[in-house]
N, C-alpha and C. Protein backbone atom coordinates (compact mmCIF):
# COMPACT_ATOMS: atom_id res chain seq x y z
N MET A 1 -7.31 -24.73 -9.49
CA MET A 1 -7.41 -24.17 -10.81
C MET A 1 -6.23 -24.69 -11.63
N ASP A 2 -6.51 -25.35 -12.70
CA ASP A 2 -5.48 -25.88 -13.59
C ASP A 2 -4.98 -24.76 -14.51
N LEU A 3 -3.69 -24.53 -14.54
CA LEU A 3 -3.12 -23.44 -15.33
C LEU A 3 -2.50 -23.93 -16.64
N SER A 4 -2.78 -25.15 -17.02
CA SER A 4 -2.14 -25.75 -18.20
C SER A 4 -2.39 -24.98 -19.49
N SER A 5 -3.53 -24.35 -19.60
CA SER A 5 -3.87 -23.73 -20.88
C SER A 5 -3.79 -22.20 -20.88
N ILE A 6 -3.24 -21.60 -19.81
CA ILE A 6 -3.19 -20.13 -19.82
C ILE A 6 -1.97 -19.65 -20.61
N SER A 7 -2.11 -18.47 -21.19
CA SER A 7 -1.03 -17.87 -21.98
C SER A 7 0.00 -17.23 -21.05
N ARG A 8 1.14 -16.86 -21.60
CA ARG A 8 2.16 -16.16 -20.82
C ARG A 8 1.63 -14.83 -20.29
N LYS A 9 0.84 -14.14 -21.12
CA LYS A 9 0.26 -12.86 -20.70
C LYS A 9 -0.70 -13.07 -19.53
N GLU A 10 -1.52 -14.11 -19.61
CA GLU A 10 -2.45 -14.41 -18.51
C GLU A 10 -1.70 -14.81 -17.25
N ALA A 11 -0.63 -15.58 -17.42
CA ALA A 11 0.18 -15.98 -16.26
C ALA A 11 0.82 -14.74 -15.62
N GLY A 12 1.27 -13.81 -16.44
CA GLY A 12 1.86 -12.58 -15.91
C GLY A 12 0.84 -11.75 -15.14
N ALA A 13 -0.37 -11.64 -15.69
CA ALA A 13 -1.43 -10.88 -15.00
C ALA A 13 -1.81 -11.56 -13.69
N LEU A 14 -1.90 -12.89 -13.69
CA LEU A 14 -2.21 -13.62 -12.46
C LEU A 14 -1.09 -13.42 -11.44
N GLY A 15 0.15 -13.50 -11.89
CA GLY A 15 1.28 -13.28 -10.99
C GLY A 15 1.26 -11.89 -10.37
N GLU A 16 0.89 -10.89 -11.14
CA GLU A 16 0.79 -9.53 -10.61
C GLU A 16 -0.31 -9.42 -9.56
N ARG A 17 -1.44 -10.09 -9.80
CA ARG A 17 -2.52 -10.08 -8.79
C ARG A 17 -2.06 -10.78 -7.50
N VAL A 18 -1.37 -11.89 -7.65
CA VAL A 18 -0.85 -12.61 -6.49
C VAL A 18 0.15 -11.73 -5.73
N ALA A 19 1.04 -11.07 -6.46
CA ALA A 19 2.04 -10.20 -5.83
C ALA A 19 1.37 -9.03 -5.10
N ALA A 20 0.36 -8.43 -5.71
CA ALA A 20 -0.35 -7.32 -5.07
C ALA A 20 -1.02 -7.79 -3.78
N HIS A 21 -1.62 -8.97 -3.82
CA HIS A 21 -2.25 -9.52 -2.62
C HIS A 21 -1.19 -9.79 -1.54
N TYR A 22 -0.08 -10.36 -1.93
CA TYR A 22 1.02 -10.66 -1.02
C TYR A 22 1.48 -9.37 -0.32
N LEU A 23 1.69 -8.32 -1.09
CA LEU A 23 2.14 -7.05 -0.52
C LEU A 23 1.08 -6.46 0.40
N SER A 24 -0.17 -6.49 -0.02
CA SER A 24 -1.27 -5.96 0.81
C SER A 24 -1.33 -6.67 2.15
N GLU A 25 -1.15 -7.98 2.13
CA GLU A 25 -1.19 -8.77 3.36
C GLU A 25 -0.03 -8.42 4.30
N ARG A 26 0.99 -7.78 3.77
CA ARG A 26 2.16 -7.42 4.58
C ARG A 26 2.24 -5.93 4.87
N GLY A 27 1.10 -5.26 4.77
CA GLY A 27 1.02 -3.87 5.19
C GLY A 27 1.29 -2.82 4.13
N PHE A 28 1.45 -3.23 2.89
CA PHE A 28 1.63 -2.26 1.80
C PHE A 28 0.26 -1.80 1.31
N GLU A 29 0.17 -0.54 0.95
CA GLU A 29 -1.03 -0.02 0.30
C GLU A 29 -0.73 0.03 -1.20
N ILE A 30 -1.54 -0.64 -1.99
CA ILE A 30 -1.34 -0.62 -3.44
C ILE A 30 -1.91 0.70 -3.97
N VAL A 31 -1.05 1.52 -4.57
CA VAL A 31 -1.50 2.83 -5.06
C VAL A 31 -1.57 2.89 -6.59
N GLY A 32 -1.04 1.89 -7.27
CA GLY A 32 -1.11 1.87 -8.73
C GLY A 32 -0.69 0.53 -9.27
N ARG A 33 -1.25 0.20 -10.45
CA ARG A 33 -0.89 -1.05 -11.12
C ARG A 33 -0.72 -0.75 -12.61
N ASN A 34 0.27 -1.38 -13.20
CA ASN A 34 0.53 -1.24 -14.63
C ASN A 34 0.57 0.21 -15.08
N ILE A 35 1.42 0.98 -14.41
CA ILE A 35 1.59 2.40 -14.71
C ILE A 35 2.60 2.52 -15.85
N THR A 36 2.17 3.16 -16.93
CA THR A 36 3.02 3.30 -18.11
C THR A 36 3.35 4.76 -18.36
N ARG A 37 4.60 5.00 -18.63
CA ARG A 37 5.11 6.30 -19.05
C ARG A 37 5.99 6.06 -20.26
N LYS A 38 6.49 7.12 -20.87
CA LYS A 38 7.33 6.93 -22.06
C LYS A 38 8.62 6.17 -21.74
N THR A 39 8.99 6.14 -20.47
CA THR A 39 10.22 5.46 -20.06
C THR A 39 10.03 3.97 -19.80
N GLY A 40 8.79 3.52 -19.68
CA GLY A 40 8.53 2.11 -19.41
C GLY A 40 7.28 1.90 -18.59
N GLU A 41 7.18 0.72 -17.98
CA GLU A 41 6.01 0.36 -17.19
C GLU A 41 6.44 -0.15 -15.82
N VAL A 42 5.61 0.14 -14.83
CA VAL A 42 5.80 -0.40 -13.49
C VAL A 42 4.60 -1.29 -13.20
N ASP A 43 4.86 -2.52 -12.77
CA ASP A 43 3.77 -3.46 -12.51
C ASP A 43 2.93 -3.05 -11.31
N ILE A 44 3.58 -2.74 -10.20
CA ILE A 44 2.86 -2.36 -8.98
C ILE A 44 3.59 -1.19 -8.33
N ILE A 45 2.80 -0.20 -7.90
CA ILE A 45 3.33 0.86 -7.05
C ILE A 45 2.63 0.70 -5.70
N ALA A 46 3.41 0.54 -4.66
CA ALA A 46 2.87 0.33 -3.33
C ALA A 46 3.51 1.32 -2.37
N ARG A 47 2.79 1.61 -1.31
CA ARG A 47 3.32 2.52 -0.29
C ARG A 47 3.30 1.80 1.05
N LYS A 48 4.40 1.93 1.75
CA LYS A 48 4.48 1.43 3.12
C LYS A 48 5.22 2.47 3.92
N ASP A 49 4.59 2.91 4.99
CA ASP A 49 5.12 4.01 5.79
C ASP A 49 5.28 5.21 4.87
N ASP A 50 6.45 5.79 4.82
CA ASP A 50 6.67 6.97 3.98
C ASP A 50 7.51 6.66 2.75
N THR A 51 7.45 5.42 2.28
CA THR A 51 8.25 5.00 1.13
C THR A 51 7.35 4.46 0.03
N LEU A 52 7.60 4.91 -1.20
CA LEU A 52 6.94 4.33 -2.37
C LEU A 52 7.81 3.18 -2.88
N HIS A 53 7.18 2.08 -3.21
CA HIS A 53 7.87 0.89 -3.73
C HIS A 53 7.40 0.65 -5.16
N PHE A 54 8.32 0.68 -6.08
CA PHE A 54 8.03 0.40 -7.49
C PHE A 54 8.45 -1.05 -7.73
N VAL A 55 7.46 -1.91 -7.92
CA VAL A 55 7.69 -3.35 -7.90
C VAL A 55 7.58 -3.95 -9.29
N GLU A 56 8.65 -4.59 -9.72
CA GLU A 56 8.66 -5.35 -10.97
C GLU A 56 8.35 -6.80 -10.62
N VAL A 57 7.32 -7.36 -11.25
CA VAL A 57 6.88 -8.72 -10.96
C VAL A 57 7.29 -9.63 -12.11
N LYS A 58 7.89 -10.75 -11.78
CA LYS A 58 8.22 -11.78 -12.76
C LYS A 58 7.57 -13.08 -12.31
N SER A 59 6.79 -13.66 -13.21
CA SER A 59 6.02 -14.86 -12.88
C SER A 59 6.37 -15.99 -13.83
N ILE A 60 6.18 -17.21 -13.33
CA ILE A 60 6.40 -18.38 -14.16
C ILE A 60 5.43 -19.47 -13.73
N VAL A 61 4.90 -20.19 -14.71
CA VAL A 61 4.09 -21.37 -14.43
C VAL A 61 5.05 -22.55 -14.41
N CYS A 62 4.97 -23.35 -13.35
CA CYS A 62 5.92 -24.44 -13.18
C CYS A 62 5.21 -25.70 -12.69
N GLU A 63 5.94 -26.80 -12.73
CA GLU A 63 5.38 -28.07 -12.27
C GLU A 63 5.42 -28.18 -10.75
N ALA A 64 6.47 -27.65 -10.13
CA ALA A 64 6.63 -27.74 -8.68
C ALA A 64 7.08 -26.40 -8.13
N LEU A 65 6.60 -26.05 -6.96
CA LEU A 65 7.01 -24.82 -6.30
C LEU A 65 8.43 -24.98 -5.77
N PRO A 66 9.14 -23.86 -5.55
CA PRO A 66 10.52 -23.95 -5.04
C PRO A 66 10.58 -24.66 -3.69
N ASP A 67 11.69 -25.27 -3.45
CA ASP A 67 11.97 -25.97 -2.20
C ASP A 67 12.03 -24.95 -1.06
N PRO A 68 11.35 -25.22 0.06
CA PRO A 68 11.36 -24.26 1.18
C PRO A 68 12.76 -23.99 1.76
N GLN A 69 13.70 -24.88 1.56
CA GLN A 69 15.06 -24.67 2.06
C GLN A 69 15.89 -23.82 1.11
N GLY A 70 15.24 -23.28 0.09
CA GLY A 70 15.92 -22.36 -0.81
C GLY A 70 16.62 -23.00 -1.99
N LYS A 71 16.51 -24.31 -2.13
CA LYS A 71 17.13 -24.97 -3.28
C LYS A 71 16.32 -24.62 -4.53
N GLN A 72 17.01 -24.19 -5.56
CA GLN A 72 16.35 -23.81 -6.81
C GLN A 72 16.37 -24.98 -7.78
N ASP A 73 15.31 -25.08 -8.55
CA ASP A 73 15.32 -26.04 -9.65
C ASP A 73 15.38 -25.26 -10.95
N GLU A 74 14.93 -25.82 -12.03
CA GLU A 74 15.05 -25.13 -13.31
C GLU A 74 14.08 -23.96 -13.46
N TYR A 75 13.14 -23.82 -12.57
CA TYR A 75 12.14 -22.76 -12.65
C TYR A 75 12.59 -21.56 -11.84
N ASP A 76 13.11 -20.55 -12.48
CA ASP A 76 13.59 -19.38 -11.77
C ASP A 76 13.21 -18.11 -12.52
N PRO A 77 12.12 -17.45 -12.08
CA PRO A 77 11.70 -16.23 -12.78
C PRO A 77 12.68 -15.07 -12.64
N SER A 78 13.63 -15.15 -11.70
CA SER A 78 14.58 -14.06 -11.55
C SER A 78 15.48 -13.91 -12.78
N ALA A 79 15.56 -14.96 -13.60
CA ALA A 79 16.34 -14.88 -14.83
C ALA A 79 15.80 -13.78 -15.75
N ASN A 80 14.52 -13.44 -15.60
CA ASN A 80 13.91 -12.39 -16.42
C ASN A 80 13.96 -11.03 -15.75
N LEU A 81 14.57 -10.94 -14.60
CA LEU A 81 14.69 -9.68 -13.87
C LEU A 81 16.08 -9.11 -14.15
N HIS A 82 16.29 -8.70 -15.39
CA HIS A 82 17.62 -8.28 -15.82
C HIS A 82 17.83 -6.78 -15.68
N GLU A 83 19.08 -6.38 -15.78
CA GLU A 83 19.50 -5.01 -15.51
C GLU A 83 18.78 -3.97 -16.38
N ALA A 84 18.60 -4.26 -17.65
CA ALA A 84 17.94 -3.28 -18.54
C ALA A 84 16.50 -3.02 -18.09
N LYS A 85 15.80 -4.07 -17.69
CA LYS A 85 14.42 -3.92 -17.24
C LYS A 85 14.37 -3.13 -15.94
N ILE A 86 15.28 -3.41 -15.04
CA ILE A 86 15.32 -2.71 -13.76
C ILE A 86 15.60 -1.22 -13.98
N ARG A 87 16.49 -0.91 -14.92
CA ARG A 87 16.77 0.51 -15.25
C ARG A 87 15.52 1.21 -15.77
N LYS A 88 14.73 0.53 -16.61
CA LYS A 88 13.49 1.12 -17.12
C LYS A 88 12.50 1.39 -15.99
N VAL A 89 12.41 0.47 -15.06
CA VAL A 89 11.51 0.66 -13.91
C VAL A 89 11.98 1.86 -13.09
N ALA A 90 13.30 1.97 -12.86
CA ALA A 90 13.84 3.09 -12.09
C ALA A 90 13.58 4.42 -12.80
N ARG A 91 13.75 4.45 -14.12
CA ARG A 91 13.47 5.70 -14.86
C ARG A 91 12.00 6.05 -14.79
N THR A 92 11.14 5.07 -14.88
CA THR A 92 9.70 5.32 -14.78
C THR A 92 9.34 5.79 -13.38
N ALA A 93 9.99 5.24 -12.36
CA ALA A 93 9.76 5.69 -10.99
C ALA A 93 10.17 7.15 -10.82
N GLU A 94 11.29 7.53 -11.42
CA GLU A 94 11.72 8.93 -11.37
C GLU A 94 10.67 9.84 -12.00
N TRP A 95 10.15 9.43 -13.14
CA TRP A 95 9.12 10.19 -13.85
C TRP A 95 7.88 10.32 -12.96
N TYR A 96 7.44 9.20 -12.41
CA TYR A 96 6.23 9.15 -11.58
C TYR A 96 6.38 10.06 -10.36
N THR A 97 7.51 9.97 -9.65
CA THR A 97 7.70 10.78 -8.45
C THR A 97 7.79 12.26 -8.79
N ALA A 98 8.39 12.60 -9.93
CA ALA A 98 8.48 14.00 -10.34
C ALA A 98 7.09 14.56 -10.68
N GLU A 99 6.28 13.76 -11.36
CA GLU A 99 4.91 14.20 -11.71
C GLU A 99 4.10 14.55 -10.47
N ARG A 100 4.33 13.82 -9.40
CA ARG A 100 3.54 13.97 -8.18
C ARG A 100 4.25 14.80 -7.11
N ASP A 101 5.39 15.38 -7.47
CA ASP A 101 6.18 16.15 -6.50
C ASP A 101 6.42 15.35 -5.22
N TRP A 102 6.67 14.06 -5.38
CA TRP A 102 6.92 13.19 -4.23
C TRP A 102 8.27 13.53 -3.62
N GLU A 103 8.27 13.83 -2.36
CA GLU A 103 9.51 14.20 -1.69
C GLU A 103 9.98 13.15 -0.70
N GLY A 104 9.25 12.07 -0.59
CA GLY A 104 9.64 11.00 0.32
C GLY A 104 10.60 10.04 -0.33
N ASP A 105 10.91 8.99 0.38
CA ASP A 105 11.79 7.95 -0.13
C ASP A 105 11.05 7.08 -1.14
N TRP A 106 11.80 6.49 -2.05
CA TRP A 106 11.25 5.50 -2.96
C TRP A 106 12.34 4.50 -3.31
N GLN A 107 11.89 3.33 -3.74
CA GLN A 107 12.85 2.28 -4.10
C GLN A 107 12.23 1.35 -5.14
N VAL A 108 13.10 0.65 -5.83
CA VAL A 108 12.68 -0.34 -6.82
C VAL A 108 12.85 -1.72 -6.19
N ASP A 109 11.77 -2.50 -6.21
CA ASP A 109 11.77 -3.84 -5.63
C ASP A 109 11.41 -4.85 -6.72
N GLY A 110 11.69 -6.09 -6.45
CA GLY A 110 11.28 -7.18 -7.32
C GLY A 110 10.36 -8.13 -6.57
N CYS A 111 9.54 -8.82 -7.31
CA CYS A 111 8.67 -9.82 -6.72
C CYS A 111 8.60 -11.00 -7.70
N LEU A 112 9.05 -12.15 -7.25
CA LEU A 112 9.06 -13.35 -8.08
C LEU A 112 7.89 -14.23 -7.68
N VAL A 113 7.14 -14.70 -8.68
CA VAL A 113 5.96 -15.51 -8.40
C VAL A 113 6.04 -16.81 -9.20
N TRP A 114 6.00 -17.93 -8.49
CA TRP A 114 5.91 -19.25 -9.10
C TRP A 114 4.46 -19.69 -9.00
N LEU A 115 3.86 -20.11 -10.11
CA LEU A 115 2.48 -20.59 -10.14
C LEU A 115 2.50 -22.06 -10.53
N ARG A 116 2.02 -22.92 -9.64
CA ARG A 116 2.05 -24.35 -9.93
C ARG A 116 0.95 -24.69 -10.94
N ARG A 117 1.36 -25.32 -12.03
CA ARG A 117 0.48 -25.62 -13.16
C ARG A 117 -0.76 -26.43 -12.77
N THR A 118 -0.59 -27.43 -11.93
CA THR A 118 -1.69 -28.36 -11.66
C THR A 118 -2.83 -27.78 -10.83
N ASP A 119 -2.51 -26.84 -9.92
CA ASP A 119 -3.57 -26.36 -9.03
C ASP A 119 -3.57 -24.85 -8.81
N GLY A 120 -2.64 -24.12 -9.42
CA GLY A 120 -2.61 -22.67 -9.30
C GLY A 120 -2.04 -22.15 -7.98
N MET A 121 -1.52 -23.05 -7.14
CA MET A 121 -0.89 -22.59 -5.90
C MET A 121 0.31 -21.71 -6.26
N ALA A 122 0.56 -20.72 -5.41
CA ALA A 122 1.63 -19.77 -5.71
C ALA A 122 2.65 -19.72 -4.59
N HIS A 123 3.87 -19.41 -4.99
CA HIS A 123 4.96 -19.12 -4.06
C HIS A 123 5.51 -17.75 -4.46
N VAL A 124 5.66 -16.86 -3.48
CA VAL A 124 6.13 -15.50 -3.76
C VAL A 124 7.45 -15.26 -3.02
N SER A 125 8.37 -14.62 -3.72
CA SER A 125 9.62 -14.19 -3.12
C SER A 125 9.76 -12.68 -3.39
N TYR A 126 9.76 -11.90 -2.32
CA TYR A 126 9.85 -10.44 -2.42
C TYR A 126 11.30 -10.02 -2.28
N LEU A 127 11.77 -9.20 -3.21
CA LEU A 127 13.16 -8.76 -3.25
C LEU A 127 13.21 -7.24 -3.07
N PRO A 128 13.42 -6.76 -1.86
CA PRO A 128 13.46 -5.30 -1.67
C PRO A 128 14.74 -4.68 -2.21
N GLN A 129 14.61 -3.46 -2.68
CA GLN A 129 15.74 -2.63 -3.15
C GLN A 129 16.68 -3.37 -4.08
N ILE A 130 16.18 -3.69 -5.26
CA ILE A 130 17.03 -4.39 -6.23
C ILE A 130 17.92 -3.44 -7.01
N VAL A 131 17.77 -2.15 -6.78
CA VAL A 131 18.65 -1.16 -7.41
C VAL A 131 19.55 -0.58 -6.37
């Protein structure tokens, strides 16, 4: 699938779907997507064992996927995973857990998704407990 003509919004939605699939494949149960409260939005809410994970997804369409040895090139979606956004996700997580009287553990995670422009192949990097 050629991603040359997709918008940033479409790339973000595709990245969120890829991230949800990635988490599901690793034993997470997806319990919510794009949850909005007055404090902000959470892209994915997942549960694994007795912990809720509030996942902020950052996606980018790029020419080449990251190097498997961890070398970064100019394509780094983590640049958009800034402190103010993480605080909003944490506040929204607090709101969400209070609404549901959740008494278990919860954490804020990040998920970076690189989408290769020419064929739609994806690379995912999961960042647990970014707060």
